N, C-alpha and C. Protein backbone atom coordinates (compact mmCIF):
# COMPACT_ATOMS: atom_id res chain seq x y z
N MET A 1 6.86 7.81 224.70
CA MET A 1 6.79 7.83 226.16
C MET A 1 7.82 8.82 226.67
N THR A 2 7.40 9.74 227.50
CA THR A 2 8.33 10.62 228.17
C THR A 2 8.07 10.54 229.66
N ASP A 3 9.11 10.77 230.44
CA ASP A 3 8.99 10.74 231.89
C ASP A 3 9.90 11.82 232.43
N SER A 4 9.38 12.60 233.38
CA SER A 4 10.14 13.73 233.88
C SER A 4 11.43 13.31 234.57
N THR A 5 11.55 12.03 234.89
CA THR A 5 12.74 11.58 235.60
C THR A 5 13.79 10.96 234.67
N ILE A 6 13.55 10.92 233.37
CA ILE A 6 14.57 10.41 232.45
C ILE A 6 15.56 11.52 232.14
N THR A 7 16.84 11.29 232.47
CA THR A 7 17.87 12.28 232.23
C THR A 7 19.08 11.63 231.59
N VAL A 8 19.85 12.43 230.88
CA VAL A 8 21.10 11.97 230.26
C VAL A 8 22.23 12.85 230.77
N THR A 9 23.28 12.22 231.31
CA THR A 9 24.39 12.96 231.90
C THR A 9 25.71 12.48 231.31
N PRO A 10 26.50 13.40 230.69
CA PRO A 10 27.82 13.00 230.18
C PRO A 10 28.83 12.96 231.33
N VAL A 11 29.77 12.01 231.23
CA VAL A 11 30.84 11.86 232.22
C VAL A 11 32.15 11.69 231.47
N ARG A 12 33.10 12.61 231.68
CA ARG A 12 34.40 12.49 231.00
C ARG A 12 35.26 11.49 231.75
N VAL A 13 35.83 10.52 231.00
CA VAL A 13 36.61 9.47 231.63
C VAL A 13 38.06 9.42 231.15
N ALA A 14 38.43 10.22 230.15
CA ALA A 14 39.80 10.20 229.64
C ALA A 14 39.97 11.30 228.60
N THR A 15 41.22 11.51 228.22
CA THR A 15 41.52 12.24 226.99
C THR A 15 42.50 11.39 226.19
N LEU A 16 42.45 11.56 224.87
CA LEU A 16 43.33 10.83 223.96
C LEU A 16 44.00 11.82 223.01
N LEU A 17 45.21 11.50 222.61
CA LEU A 17 45.93 12.31 221.65
C LEU A 17 45.57 11.86 220.24
N ALA A 18 45.03 12.78 219.46
CA ALA A 18 44.70 12.51 218.06
C ALA A 18 45.40 13.56 217.21
N GLY A 19 46.49 13.16 216.58
CA GLY A 19 47.31 14.13 215.88
C GLY A 19 47.96 15.05 216.90
N GLU A 20 47.70 16.35 216.78
CA GLU A 20 48.25 17.31 217.75
C GLU A 20 47.19 17.78 218.74
N GLU A 21 46.04 17.16 218.71
CA GLU A 21 44.92 17.60 219.54
C GLU A 21 44.56 16.53 220.55
N ARG A 22 44.19 16.96 221.76
CA ARG A 22 43.69 16.02 222.75
C ARG A 22 42.17 16.02 222.70
N LEU A 23 41.62 14.82 222.56
CA LEU A 23 40.17 14.65 222.49
C LEU A 23 39.66 14.10 223.82
N PRO A 24 38.55 14.64 224.33
CA PRO A 24 37.95 14.04 225.51
C PRO A 24 37.28 12.72 225.16
N VAL A 25 37.12 11.87 226.14
CA VAL A 25 36.37 10.62 225.99
C VAL A 25 35.23 10.67 227.00
N TYR A 26 34.01 10.64 226.49
CA TYR A 26 32.83 10.70 227.35
C TYR A 26 32.05 9.40 227.30
N VAL A 27 31.51 9.02 228.45
CA VAL A 27 30.45 8.02 228.54
C VAL A 27 29.20 8.76 228.99
N HIS A 28 28.06 8.09 228.94
CA HIS A 28 26.81 8.78 229.26
C HIS A 28 25.92 7.91 230.13
N LEU A 29 25.39 8.53 231.18
CA LEU A 29 24.47 7.86 232.09
C LEU A 29 23.04 8.25 231.74
N VAL A 30 22.19 7.26 231.58
CA VAL A 30 20.77 7.48 231.36
C VAL A 30 20.03 7.03 232.62
N ALA A 31 19.54 7.99 233.36
CA ALA A 31 18.77 7.68 234.57
C ALA A 31 17.30 7.56 234.19
N HIS A 32 16.72 6.41 234.48
CA HIS A 32 15.35 6.07 234.08
C HIS A 32 14.64 5.50 235.30
N PRO A 33 13.33 5.68 235.41
CA PRO A 33 12.62 5.11 236.56
C PRO A 33 12.82 3.61 236.72
N ASP A 34 13.13 2.91 235.61
CA ASP A 34 13.27 1.46 235.67
C ASP A 34 14.73 0.99 235.71
N GLY A 35 15.67 1.91 235.81
CA GLY A 35 17.05 1.49 235.89
C GLY A 35 18.02 2.60 235.50
N LEU A 36 19.30 2.34 235.73
CA LEU A 36 20.36 3.27 235.37
C LEU A 36 21.21 2.61 234.29
N ILE A 37 21.24 3.22 233.11
CA ILE A 37 21.94 2.66 231.96
C ILE A 37 23.21 3.46 231.72
N LEU A 38 24.30 2.75 231.51
CA LEU A 38 25.56 3.39 231.15
C LEU A 38 25.84 3.12 229.68
N VAL A 39 26.03 4.18 228.91
CA VAL A 39 26.33 4.05 227.49
C VAL A 39 27.83 4.23 227.30
N ASP A 40 28.50 3.14 226.96
CA ASP A 40 29.95 3.03 226.82
C ASP A 40 30.61 3.11 228.21
N THR A 41 31.85 2.61 228.27
CA THR A 41 32.51 2.50 229.58
C THR A 41 33.91 3.08 229.60
N GLY A 42 34.33 3.70 228.50
CA GLY A 42 35.64 4.35 228.49
C GLY A 42 36.77 3.34 228.64
N LEU A 43 37.81 3.75 229.37
CA LEU A 43 38.92 2.85 229.64
C LEU A 43 39.42 3.12 231.06
N THR A 44 39.91 2.08 231.69
CA THR A 44 40.27 2.18 233.10
C THR A 44 41.75 1.89 233.36
N GLU A 45 42.49 1.52 232.31
CA GLU A 45 43.90 1.21 232.47
C GLU A 45 44.62 1.49 231.15
N LEU A 46 45.93 1.53 231.23
CA LEU A 46 46.74 1.74 230.03
C LEU A 46 47.05 0.39 229.39
N HIS A 47 47.34 0.43 228.09
CA HIS A 47 47.62 -0.79 227.34
C HIS A 47 48.58 -0.42 226.21
N PRO A 48 49.57 -1.26 225.92
CA PRO A 48 50.52 -0.94 224.84
C PRO A 48 49.85 -0.65 223.50
N ALA A 49 48.72 -1.30 223.22
CA ALA A 49 48.06 -1.10 221.94
C ALA A 49 47.52 0.31 221.77
N ALA A 50 47.35 1.02 222.89
CA ALA A 50 46.81 2.38 222.82
C ALA A 50 47.84 3.43 223.19
N ALA A 51 49.10 3.02 223.33
CA ALA A 51 50.12 3.94 223.82
C ALA A 51 50.32 5.15 222.91
N ASP A 52 50.15 4.97 221.60
CA ASP A 52 50.38 6.08 220.67
C ASP A 52 49.36 7.19 220.84
N MET A 53 48.26 6.92 221.52
CA MET A 53 47.24 7.94 221.75
C MET A 53 47.37 8.56 223.14
N ASP A 54 48.42 8.17 223.88
CA ASP A 54 48.76 8.78 225.17
C ASP A 54 47.53 9.02 226.05
N PRO A 55 46.80 7.96 226.40
CA PRO A 55 45.58 8.17 227.20
C PRO A 55 45.89 8.79 228.57
N GLN A 56 45.13 9.79 228.91
CA GLN A 56 45.15 10.37 230.25
C GLN A 56 43.81 10.00 230.90
N LEU A 57 43.87 9.19 231.94
CA LEU A 57 42.67 8.54 232.44
C LEU A 57 41.99 9.33 233.55
N GLU A 58 40.67 9.33 233.50
CA GLU A 58 39.81 9.82 234.58
C GLU A 58 38.73 8.75 234.78
N PRO A 59 39.12 7.54 235.21
CA PRO A 59 38.22 6.38 235.12
C PRO A 59 36.97 6.51 235.98
N LEU A 60 35.96 5.74 235.58
CA LEU A 60 34.69 5.75 236.29
C LEU A 60 34.85 5.46 237.77
N THR A 61 35.82 4.62 238.10
CA THR A 61 36.01 4.25 239.50
C THR A 61 36.48 5.41 240.36
N GLU A 62 36.91 6.50 239.73
CA GLU A 62 37.38 7.66 240.49
C GLU A 62 36.48 8.87 240.30
N GLN A 63 35.25 8.64 239.87
CA GLN A 63 34.32 9.74 239.57
C GLN A 63 33.33 9.99 240.69
N GLY A 64 33.41 9.21 241.76
CA GLY A 64 32.46 9.40 242.85
C GLY A 64 31.07 8.88 242.53
N LEU A 65 30.97 8.00 241.53
CA LEU A 65 29.68 7.43 241.14
C LEU A 65 29.46 6.10 241.84
N ASP A 66 28.22 5.80 242.14
CA ASP A 66 27.87 4.50 242.71
C ASP A 66 27.61 3.54 241.55
N LEU A 67 28.65 2.85 241.12
CA LEU A 67 28.53 1.99 239.94
C LEU A 67 27.65 0.79 240.21
N SER A 68 27.40 0.48 241.45
CA SER A 68 26.52 -0.65 241.76
C SER A 68 25.09 -0.38 241.34
N ARG A 69 24.75 0.89 241.11
CA ARG A 69 23.40 1.25 240.70
C ARG A 69 23.17 1.03 239.21
N VAL A 70 24.24 0.85 238.43
CA VAL A 70 24.09 0.62 236.99
C VAL A 70 23.45 -0.74 236.76
N THR A 71 22.32 -0.74 236.07
CA THR A 71 21.58 -1.98 235.84
C THR A 71 21.88 -2.60 234.48
N ALA A 72 22.36 -1.78 233.52
CA ALA A 72 22.67 -2.30 232.20
C ALA A 72 23.68 -1.37 231.53
N VAL A 73 24.46 -1.94 230.63
CA VAL A 73 25.45 -1.20 229.86
C VAL A 73 25.10 -1.34 228.38
N VAL A 74 25.32 -0.28 227.63
CA VAL A 74 25.21 -0.32 226.17
C VAL A 74 26.57 0.09 225.60
N ASN A 75 27.10 -0.72 224.71
CA ASN A 75 28.28 -0.31 223.94
C ASN A 75 27.83 0.17 222.58
N THR A 76 28.12 1.44 222.26
CA THR A 76 27.80 1.91 220.91
C THR A 76 28.62 1.15 219.88
N HIS A 77 29.85 0.82 220.24
CA HIS A 77 30.70 -0.07 219.46
C HIS A 77 31.82 -0.52 220.40
N LEU A 78 32.74 -1.32 219.90
CA LEU A 78 33.69 -1.99 220.79
C LEU A 78 35.14 -1.58 220.55
N HIS A 79 35.39 -0.38 220.04
CA HIS A 79 36.75 0.12 220.06
C HIS A 79 37.18 0.31 221.51
N PHE A 80 38.49 0.28 221.75
CA PHE A 80 38.99 0.15 223.12
C PHE A 80 38.54 1.27 224.06
N ASP A 81 38.34 2.48 223.53
CA ASP A 81 37.98 3.60 224.39
C ASP A 81 36.49 3.63 224.70
N HIS A 82 35.77 2.63 224.23
CA HIS A 82 34.33 2.53 224.51
C HIS A 82 33.98 1.29 225.34
N CYS A 83 34.91 0.34 225.40
CA CYS A 83 34.60 -0.90 226.12
C CYS A 83 35.60 -1.24 227.21
N GLY A 84 36.56 -0.35 227.46
CA GLY A 84 37.64 -0.67 228.40
C GLY A 84 37.21 -0.77 229.85
N GLY A 85 36.01 -0.29 230.16
CA GLY A 85 35.50 -0.42 231.52
C GLY A 85 34.42 -1.47 231.66
N ASN A 86 34.18 -2.26 230.61
CA ASN A 86 33.12 -3.28 230.68
C ASN A 86 33.32 -4.24 231.85
N HIS A 87 34.57 -4.49 232.19
CA HIS A 87 34.86 -5.46 233.26
C HIS A 87 34.30 -5.00 234.60
N LEU A 88 34.05 -3.71 234.75
CA LEU A 88 33.51 -3.20 236.01
C LEU A 88 32.07 -3.65 236.24
N PHE A 89 31.44 -4.16 235.19
CA PHE A 89 30.01 -4.48 235.26
C PHE A 89 29.76 -5.96 235.00
N ALA A 90 30.70 -6.79 235.46
CA ALA A 90 30.56 -8.24 235.32
C ALA A 90 29.24 -8.69 235.93
N GLY A 91 28.55 -9.54 235.17
CA GLY A 91 27.28 -10.07 235.65
C GLY A 91 26.07 -9.24 235.30
N ARG A 92 26.31 -8.06 234.75
CA ARG A 92 25.18 -7.23 234.31
C ARG A 92 25.13 -7.23 232.79
N PRO A 93 23.94 -7.08 232.20
CA PRO A 93 23.83 -7.19 230.74
C PRO A 93 24.53 -6.04 230.03
N VAL A 94 25.28 -6.39 228.98
CA VAL A 94 25.95 -5.41 228.13
C VAL A 94 25.39 -5.57 226.73
N TYR A 95 24.67 -4.57 226.25
CA TYR A 95 23.97 -4.66 224.97
C TYR A 95 24.87 -4.14 223.86
N VAL A 96 25.01 -4.97 222.82
CA VAL A 96 25.85 -4.62 221.67
C VAL A 96 25.23 -5.27 220.44
N GLN A 97 25.42 -4.65 219.29
CA GLN A 97 24.94 -5.26 218.06
C GLN A 97 25.76 -6.53 217.78
N ARG A 98 25.07 -7.56 217.34
CA ARG A 98 25.73 -8.85 217.08
C ARG A 98 26.90 -8.70 216.10
N ARG A 99 26.69 -7.91 215.03
CA ARG A 99 27.76 -7.71 214.04
C ARG A 99 28.99 -7.09 214.69
N GLU A 100 28.77 -6.15 215.60
CA GLU A 100 29.89 -5.47 216.25
C GLU A 100 30.70 -6.44 217.11
N LEU A 101 30.02 -7.28 217.85
CA LEU A 101 30.72 -8.23 218.71
C LEU A 101 31.50 -9.23 217.87
N THR A 102 30.91 -9.70 216.78
CA THR A 102 31.62 -10.62 215.89
C THR A 102 32.88 -9.98 215.33
N ASP A 103 32.76 -8.75 214.86
CA ASP A 103 33.93 -8.07 214.28
C ASP A 103 35.01 -7.85 215.34
N ALA A 104 34.61 -7.46 216.54
CA ALA A 104 35.58 -7.20 217.60
C ALA A 104 36.34 -8.47 217.97
N ARG A 105 35.70 -9.60 217.84
CA ARG A 105 36.33 -10.88 218.22
C ARG A 105 37.14 -11.51 217.10
N THR A 106 36.95 -11.03 215.86
CA THR A 106 37.58 -11.73 214.73
C THR A 106 38.51 -10.87 213.88
N LEU A 107 38.29 -9.57 213.82
CA LEU A 107 39.09 -8.73 212.94
C LEU A 107 40.38 -8.29 213.63
N GLU A 108 41.47 -8.29 212.88
CA GLU A 108 42.75 -7.85 213.42
C GLU A 108 42.79 -6.33 213.58
N ASP A 109 43.50 -5.87 214.59
CA ASP A 109 43.72 -4.44 214.83
C ASP A 109 42.41 -3.66 214.95
N TYR A 110 41.40 -4.31 215.51
CA TYR A 110 40.08 -3.69 215.64
C TYR A 110 39.91 -3.05 217.01
N THR A 111 40.40 -3.74 218.04
CA THR A 111 40.18 -3.30 219.41
C THR A 111 41.18 -4.03 220.30
N ILE A 112 41.00 -3.94 221.59
CA ILE A 112 41.81 -4.69 222.55
C ILE A 112 40.94 -5.84 223.04
N ARG A 113 41.21 -7.04 222.52
CA ARG A 113 40.25 -8.14 222.71
C ARG A 113 40.09 -8.57 224.16
N GLU A 114 41.15 -8.47 224.94
CA GLU A 114 40.99 -8.88 226.33
C GLU A 114 40.09 -7.93 227.11
N TRP A 115 39.92 -6.72 226.61
CA TRP A 115 38.95 -5.81 227.23
C TRP A 115 37.53 -6.15 226.78
N VAL A 116 37.39 -6.59 225.54
CA VAL A 116 36.07 -6.99 225.05
C VAL A 116 35.54 -8.18 225.84
N ASP A 117 36.37 -9.20 225.98
CA ASP A 117 35.94 -10.43 226.64
C ASP A 117 36.60 -10.58 228.00
N ALA A 118 36.55 -9.50 228.77
CA ALA A 118 37.06 -9.54 230.14
C ALA A 118 36.22 -10.52 230.96
N PRO A 119 36.80 -11.13 231.98
CA PRO A 119 36.05 -12.11 232.79
C PRO A 119 34.75 -11.53 233.34
N GLY A 120 33.69 -12.31 233.17
CA GLY A 120 32.41 -11.94 233.74
C GLY A 120 31.54 -11.04 232.89
N VAL A 121 32.07 -10.52 231.77
CA VAL A 121 31.27 -9.64 230.91
C VAL A 121 30.24 -10.49 230.17
N GLU A 122 28.98 -10.10 230.27
CA GLU A 122 27.88 -10.88 229.69
C GLU A 122 27.16 -10.04 228.63
N TYR A 123 27.42 -10.35 227.37
CA TYR A 123 26.83 -9.58 226.28
C TYR A 123 25.42 -10.07 225.95
N VAL A 124 24.58 -9.11 225.64
CA VAL A 124 23.28 -9.38 225.02
C VAL A 124 23.42 -8.94 223.57
N GLU A 125 23.43 -9.87 222.65
CA GLU A 125 23.66 -9.56 221.25
C GLU A 125 22.34 -9.11 220.60
N VAL A 126 22.36 -7.92 220.03
CA VAL A 126 21.17 -7.30 219.47
C VAL A 126 21.23 -7.37 217.96
N ASP A 127 20.12 -7.71 217.34
CA ASP A 127 20.00 -7.69 215.89
C ASP A 127 19.02 -6.59 215.51
N GLY A 128 19.54 -5.43 215.14
CA GLY A 128 18.65 -4.35 214.73
C GLY A 128 18.18 -3.49 215.90
N GLU A 129 16.93 -3.04 215.82
CA GLU A 129 16.39 -2.12 216.81
C GLU A 129 15.94 -2.87 218.06
N LEU A 130 16.01 -2.16 219.20
CA LEU A 130 15.55 -2.74 220.45
C LEU A 130 15.07 -1.64 221.37
N GLU A 131 13.88 -1.82 221.97
CA GLU A 131 13.45 -0.92 223.03
C GLU A 131 13.99 -1.48 224.34
N LEU A 132 14.99 -0.82 224.87
CA LEU A 132 15.66 -1.31 226.07
C LEU A 132 14.80 -1.08 227.31
N LEU A 133 14.24 0.12 227.41
CA LEU A 133 13.27 0.50 228.43
C LEU A 133 12.26 1.42 227.76
N PRO A 134 11.09 1.63 228.35
CA PRO A 134 10.16 2.58 227.75
C PRO A 134 10.83 3.95 227.55
N GLY A 135 10.86 4.39 226.30
CA GLY A 135 11.47 5.68 225.99
C GLY A 135 12.96 5.61 225.72
N VAL A 136 13.54 4.41 225.72
CA VAL A 136 14.98 4.26 225.45
C VAL A 136 15.15 3.18 224.38
N ARG A 137 15.65 3.59 223.21
CA ARG A 137 15.77 2.65 222.08
C ARG A 137 17.22 2.54 221.61
N LEU A 138 17.57 1.36 221.14
CA LEU A 138 18.84 1.14 220.46
C LEU A 138 18.55 1.04 218.97
N LEU A 139 19.32 1.77 218.16
CA LEU A 139 19.14 1.77 216.71
C LEU A 139 20.48 1.51 216.03
N PRO A 140 20.53 0.59 215.08
CA PRO A 140 21.77 0.39 214.32
C PRO A 140 22.15 1.66 213.58
N ALA A 141 23.45 1.98 213.58
CA ALA A 141 23.91 3.21 212.93
C ALA A 141 25.25 2.96 212.26
N PRO A 142 25.27 2.14 211.20
CA PRO A 142 26.54 1.81 210.55
C PRO A 142 27.24 3.03 209.97
N GLY A 143 28.56 2.96 210.01
CA GLY A 143 29.36 4.05 209.47
C GLY A 143 30.74 4.02 210.09
N HIS A 144 30.85 4.47 211.33
CA HIS A 144 32.14 4.42 212.02
C HIS A 144 32.63 2.98 212.08
N THR A 145 31.75 2.08 212.44
CA THR A 145 31.96 0.64 212.24
C THR A 145 30.66 0.08 211.68
N PRO A 146 30.71 -1.05 210.99
CA PRO A 146 29.48 -1.62 210.45
C PRO A 146 28.45 -1.98 211.52
N GLY A 147 28.93 -2.30 212.73
CA GLY A 147 28.03 -2.71 213.79
C GLY A 147 27.73 -1.66 214.83
N SER A 148 28.01 -0.40 214.53
CA SER A 148 27.73 0.66 215.49
C SER A 148 26.23 0.80 215.74
N GLN A 149 25.91 1.28 216.96
CA GLN A 149 24.52 1.61 217.28
C GLN A 149 24.49 2.91 218.07
N ILE A 150 23.33 3.54 218.08
CA ILE A 150 23.11 4.72 218.89
C ILE A 150 22.00 4.44 219.89
N VAL A 151 21.92 5.29 220.91
CA VAL A 151 20.86 5.20 221.91
C VAL A 151 20.01 6.45 221.80
N VAL A 152 18.71 6.25 221.67
CA VAL A 152 17.77 7.37 221.52
C VAL A 152 16.89 7.41 222.76
N VAL A 153 16.86 8.56 223.41
CA VAL A 153 16.16 8.70 224.69
C VAL A 153 15.09 9.77 224.55
N ASP A 154 13.87 9.41 224.90
CA ASP A 154 12.74 10.34 224.83
C ASP A 154 12.62 11.04 226.18
N THR A 155 13.10 12.27 226.27
CA THR A 155 13.06 13.03 227.52
C THR A 155 11.97 14.08 227.47
N PRO A 156 11.62 14.66 228.61
CA PRO A 156 10.59 15.71 228.61
C PRO A 156 10.98 16.92 227.76
N GLN A 157 12.28 17.15 227.58
CA GLN A 157 12.74 18.29 226.78
C GLN A 157 12.84 17.95 225.30
N GLY A 158 12.57 16.70 224.95
CA GLY A 158 12.66 16.28 223.56
C GLY A 158 13.58 15.09 223.40
N LEU A 159 13.75 14.67 222.16
CA LEU A 159 14.56 13.50 221.85
C LEU A 159 16.05 13.81 222.02
N VAL A 160 16.75 12.92 222.69
CA VAL A 160 18.20 13.03 222.87
C VAL A 160 18.84 11.78 222.29
N ALA A 161 19.88 11.96 221.49
CA ALA A 161 20.61 10.84 220.91
C ALA A 161 22.01 10.77 221.52
N ILE A 162 22.42 9.57 221.88
CA ILE A 162 23.80 9.31 222.33
C ILE A 162 24.45 8.51 221.22
N VAL A 163 25.41 9.11 220.52
CA VAL A 163 25.80 8.57 219.22
C VAL A 163 27.18 7.93 219.19
N GLY A 164 27.89 7.90 220.33
CA GLY A 164 29.22 7.30 220.30
C GLY A 164 30.11 7.99 219.29
N ASP A 165 30.71 7.22 218.39
CA ASP A 165 31.56 7.78 217.34
C ASP A 165 30.86 7.81 215.98
N THR A 166 29.54 7.66 215.98
CA THR A 166 28.81 7.82 214.72
C THR A 166 29.18 9.14 214.08
N ALA A 167 29.39 10.15 214.92
CA ALA A 167 30.02 11.40 214.50
C ALA A 167 31.10 11.72 215.52
N VAL A 168 32.30 12.00 215.06
CA VAL A 168 33.39 12.33 215.99
C VAL A 168 33.36 13.81 216.35
N TRP A 169 32.83 14.63 215.46
CA TRP A 169 32.64 16.05 215.77
C TRP A 169 31.36 16.52 215.10
N SER A 170 30.85 17.67 215.56
CA SER A 170 29.53 18.14 215.13
C SER A 170 29.41 18.33 213.63
N GLY A 171 30.50 18.74 212.99
CA GLY A 171 30.45 18.99 211.56
C GLY A 171 30.02 17.78 210.77
N GLU A 172 30.28 16.59 211.29
CA GLU A 172 29.87 15.38 210.57
C GLU A 172 28.36 15.19 210.60
N LEU A 173 27.69 15.78 211.57
CA LEU A 173 26.22 15.73 211.58
C LEU A 173 25.63 16.91 210.80
N ASP A 174 26.37 17.99 210.71
CA ASP A 174 25.90 19.10 209.87
C ASP A 174 25.89 18.69 208.40
N SER A 175 26.88 17.89 208.02
CA SER A 175 26.98 17.43 206.62
C SER A 175 27.18 15.92 206.63
N PRO A 176 26.13 15.15 206.89
CA PRO A 176 26.29 13.70 207.08
C PRO A 176 26.68 12.97 205.80
N THR A 177 27.53 11.96 205.96
CA THR A 177 27.97 11.17 204.81
C THR A 177 27.75 9.68 205.01
N THR A 178 27.52 9.23 206.24
CA THR A 178 27.33 7.80 206.50
C THR A 178 25.87 7.51 206.82
N GLU A 179 25.52 6.24 206.75
CA GLU A 179 24.15 5.84 207.08
C GLU A 179 23.81 6.23 208.52
N GLY A 180 24.76 6.02 209.43
CA GLY A 180 24.50 6.37 210.82
C GLY A 180 24.30 7.85 211.03
N GLN A 181 25.12 8.66 210.38
CA GLN A 181 24.98 10.12 210.51
C GLN A 181 23.66 10.59 209.93
N ARG A 182 23.27 10.03 208.80
CA ARG A 182 21.99 10.41 208.21
C ARG A 182 20.83 9.98 209.11
N LEU A 183 20.98 8.85 209.78
CA LEU A 183 19.94 8.42 210.72
C LEU A 183 19.78 9.44 211.84
N VAL A 184 20.87 9.88 212.42
CA VAL A 184 20.78 10.86 213.51
C VAL A 184 20.07 12.11 213.03
N ARG A 185 20.42 12.60 211.85
CA ARG A 185 19.76 13.79 211.31
C ARG A 185 18.27 13.56 211.10
N SER A 186 17.91 12.38 210.62
CA SER A 186 16.51 12.10 210.33
C SER A 186 15.65 12.05 211.59
N LEU A 187 16.27 11.73 212.71
CA LEU A 187 15.54 11.68 213.98
C LEU A 187 15.21 13.06 214.52
N ALA A 188 15.92 14.08 214.02
CA ALA A 188 15.74 15.46 214.47
C ALA A 188 15.77 15.58 216.00
N PRO A 189 16.85 15.07 216.63
CA PRO A 189 16.91 15.15 218.09
C PRO A 189 17.10 16.59 218.55
N ARG A 190 16.68 16.86 219.77
CA ARG A 190 16.93 18.18 220.34
C ARG A 190 18.42 18.40 220.53
N ARG A 191 19.11 17.34 220.90
CA ARG A 191 20.57 17.37 220.97
C ARG A 191 21.10 15.96 220.78
N ALA A 192 22.36 15.89 220.37
CA ALA A 192 23.05 14.61 220.23
C ALA A 192 24.37 14.71 220.96
N TRP A 193 24.60 13.76 221.86
CA TRP A 193 25.85 13.70 222.61
C TRP A 193 26.85 12.82 221.86
N LEU A 194 28.05 13.36 221.65
CA LEU A 194 29.14 12.65 220.98
C LEU A 194 30.14 12.17 222.03
N ALA A 195 30.88 11.14 221.70
CA ALA A 195 31.83 10.59 222.66
C ALA A 195 33.09 11.43 222.82
N HIS A 196 33.41 12.25 221.82
CA HIS A 196 34.69 12.97 221.86
C HIS A 196 34.51 14.48 221.74
N GLN A 197 33.39 14.97 222.21
CA GLN A 197 33.11 16.40 222.15
C GLN A 197 32.37 16.80 223.42
N THR A 198 32.80 17.91 224.02
CA THR A 198 32.22 18.31 225.31
C THR A 198 30.79 18.80 225.15
N GLU A 199 30.55 19.63 224.16
CA GLU A 199 29.21 20.18 223.95
C GLU A 199 28.42 19.29 222.99
N PRO A 200 27.12 19.15 223.21
CA PRO A 200 26.33 18.33 222.29
C PRO A 200 26.12 19.04 220.96
N TRP A 201 25.86 18.23 219.94
CA TRP A 201 25.43 18.78 218.67
C TRP A 201 23.95 19.14 218.75
N THR A 202 23.60 20.29 218.22
CA THR A 202 22.20 20.68 218.12
C THR A 202 21.92 21.07 216.67
N PRO A 203 20.77 20.67 216.15
CA PRO A 203 20.49 20.98 214.75
C PRO A 203 20.31 22.48 214.53
N THR A 204 20.78 22.94 213.40
CA THR A 204 20.60 24.35 213.06
C THR A 204 19.23 24.52 212.42
N PRO A 205 18.61 25.68 212.64
CA PRO A 205 17.27 25.90 212.07
C PRO A 205 17.29 25.79 210.55
């Protein structure tokens, strides 16, 4: 299913210090005739657990977006820089793989738990694949975390994948080593949006 009105838009919400390099943090909006989906939520405040990465915030609340229009949220996984804005969407469904939510709630040094279970956050636990809307699918993509998932969007220009940290940089999709990375390659998307890279990955001929 393709629809001329399905679009994917990256939104930068922060930068993080990784070694000597600052990495951008992107979330992605999927505009669909049946709703507006937000893939990951970035972070909206500082926390001692993330201090070593010196977050510089550009939160969703300061982006000039009408967040009330978001009908559903998808977390590719629940590391702090992907779920720190979940609280902004209390009462709306947040789709996450069941394994990911279990790990985030039980494993030590995995994430910032109070951000995962912020008041009012309502998770929809997914087991495997799910068609969220016509032309928008969730697919398990283990690798970065065992419970990671990607979002695949069928647009008029071709298949677009929103991969979170399944690949942190394009080279990991050029030479895939994890199940999730191999999945992205097998889908042959026109482009894949990464959470920490400004430009999308595109397959080489």
